[in-house]
Protein backbone atom coordinates (compact mmCIF):
# COMPACT_ATOMS: atom_id res chain seq x y z
CA MET A 1 -36.25 -36.29 50.48
CA ARG A 2 -35.01 -33.66 52.76
CA GLN A 3 -31.56 -33.05 54.49
CA ILE A 4 -30.28 -32.58 57.67
CA LYS A 5 -27.32 -30.49 57.99
CA THR A 6 -25.76 -31.05 61.34
CA VAL A 7 -23.48 -28.54 63.44
CA GLN A 8 -20.01 -29.36 63.78
CA HIS A 9 -18.66 -27.30 66.52
CA ASN A 10 -15.00 -26.37 67.18
CA LYS A 11 -13.44 -27.93 70.07
CA MET A 12 -10.67 -24.55 70.37
CA ASP A 13 -13.60 -22.53 70.69
CA ILE A 14 -15.12 -24.61 73.63
CA ARG A 15 -11.64 -24.56 75.30
CA THR A 16 -11.41 -20.98 74.65
CA VAL A 17 -14.88 -20.13 76.15
CA LEU A 18 -13.94 -23.01 79.16
CA ILE A 19 -10.53 -21.39 79.46
CA TYR A 20 -12.34 -17.77 79.80
CA CYS A 21 -14.69 -18.77 82.52
CA TRP A 22 -12.59 -20.25 84.47
CA THR A 23 -10.29 -17.56 84.12
CA VAL A 24 -13.55 -15.03 85.14
CA VAL A 25 -14.50 -17.36 87.78
CA TRP A 26 -10.22 -17.28 89.45
CA ASN A 27 -10.15 -13.91 89.12
CA PHE A 28 -13.34 -13.09 91.11
CA ILE A 29 -12.35 -15.99 93.28
CA MET A 30 -8.96 -14.43 94.22
CA ASN A 31 -10.23 -10.57 93.91
CA SER A 32 -14.03 -10.76 95.62
CA PRO A 33 -13.85 -13.77 97.87
CA ARG A 34 -16.05 -12.55 100.60
CA LEU A 35 -18.68 -11.56 97.78
CA LEU A 36 -18.65 -14.92 96.16
CA ALA A 37 -18.28 -16.85 99.18
CA LYS A 38 -22.13 -14.89 100.14
CA PHE A 39 -22.81 -15.75 96.62
CA CYS A 40 -22.79 -19.23 97.23
CA LYS A 41 -24.06 -18.91 100.92
CA SER A 42 -27.06 -17.47 99.35
CA ILE A 43 -27.02 -20.46 96.83
CA LEU A 44 -26.71 -23.08 99.34
CA GLU A 45 -29.58 -21.61 101.06
CA GLU A 46 -31.89 -21.45 98.34
CA LEU A 47 -30.91 -25.76 97.62
CA LEU A 48 -31.72 -26.15 101.21
CA ILE A 49 -34.90 -24.18 100.77
CA ALA A 50 -36.23 -25.25 97.92
CA TRP A 51 -34.80 -28.94 97.15
CA PRO A 52 -35.95 -30.93 100.67
CA GLU A 53 -33.81 -34.33 99.42
CA PHE A 54 -30.30 -31.82 99.52
CA ARG A 55 -31.70 -30.87 102.33
CA GLU A 56 -31.90 -34.01 104.14
CA PHE A 57 -28.78 -35.19 102.76
CA PHE A 58 -26.65 -31.83 104.00
CA TYR A 59 -27.76 -32.45 107.27
CA SER A 60 -27.37 -36.11 107.48
CA ARG A 61 -25.39 -37.56 110.08
CA GLU A 62 -23.25 -38.88 107.24
CA PHE A 63 -22.37 -35.96 105.43
CA GLN A 64 -21.89 -34.06 108.47
CA SER A 65 -19.29 -36.33 109.70
CA PHE A 66 -17.74 -36.03 106.28
CA LEU A 67 -17.52 -32.52 107.14
CA ALA A 68 -15.82 -33.23 110.50
CA SER A 69 -13.83 -36.07 109.24
CA PRO A 70 -9.85 -35.34 109.64
CA PHE A 71 -9.78 -35.22 105.93
CA PHE A 72 -11.83 -32.27 105.54
CA GLN A 73 -9.77 -31.04 108.71
CA ILE A 74 -6.23 -31.61 107.08
CA LEU A 75 -8.04 -30.19 103.77
CA ARG A 76 -8.72 -27.10 105.71
CA GLN A 77 -5.66 -26.22 106.90
CA LEU A 78 -3.23 -27.01 102.90
CA PRO A 79 -1.24 -23.92 102.55
CA TYR A 80 -3.11 -22.79 99.18
CA PHE A 81 -6.98 -23.40 101.19
CA GLU A 82 -5.09 -22.08 104.45
CA ASN A 83 -4.55 -18.68 103.23
CA SER A 84 -7.74 -18.31 100.60
CA THR A 85 -10.11 -15.96 102.53
CA PHE A 86 -12.87 -17.07 100.06
CA PHE A 87 -11.80 -20.88 100.56
CA GLN A 88 -11.94 -20.35 104.17
CA THR A 89 -15.28 -18.14 104.40
CA PHE A 90 -16.97 -21.19 102.38
CA PHE A 91 -15.97 -24.16 104.68
CA ASP A 92 -16.93 -22.36 107.41
CA LEU A 93 -20.37 -21.35 105.68
CA LEU A 94 -20.58 -25.15 105.47
CA ILE A 95 -19.84 -26.50 108.37
CA PRO A 96 -23.20 -26.34 110.07
CA ARG A 97 -24.23 -26.66 113.82
CA SER A 98 -23.77 -29.44 115.75
CA TYR A 99 -24.94 -32.51 115.76
CA ASN A 100 -27.22 -32.46 118.55
CA SER A 101 -28.50 -28.91 118.21
CA ILE A 102 -29.37 -30.43 114.61
CA ASP A 103 -31.50 -33.57 116.47
CA ASN A 104 -33.44 -31.39 118.46
CA ASP A 105 -34.96 -29.08 116.04
CA PHE A 106 -36.24 -32.01 114.24
CA GLU A 107 -37.24 -33.24 117.38
CA LYS A 108 -39.27 -30.24 117.69
CA GLY A 109 -40.21 -29.79 114.46
CA ASN A 110 -38.01 -26.96 113.98
CA ASP A 111 -37.18 -26.88 109.95
CA ASP A 112 -35.69 -23.80 109.34
CA ASP A 113 -38.32 -22.81 106.77
CA ASP A 114 -38.86 -19.64 108.23
CA LEU A 115 -38.19 -16.89 106.44
CA ASP A 116 -37.04 -12.98 107.58
């Protein structure tokens, strides 16, 4: 009979890798906030193009009202987020056009799938 070998992962190694990854991300946020925000924007744009369900959610009234909610506005004004170029740029990316603009686009059949 053949024995199946199991591999046990050392939890310390996984923690070390996670800490290292977080350190790299944190340094990237602190040192290159605009570049990171542009990277996040490109990921967001790709998700909106490639995943119709995500796009529908992103432009839904519920999500838009969350972005316009006092909670989200207060979050933006917290000292940590207010002083961070990355978070301010990212928050600006998250807040899309007004409700009327979104409604008009859908009524006209403009679904922003035009690629330049």
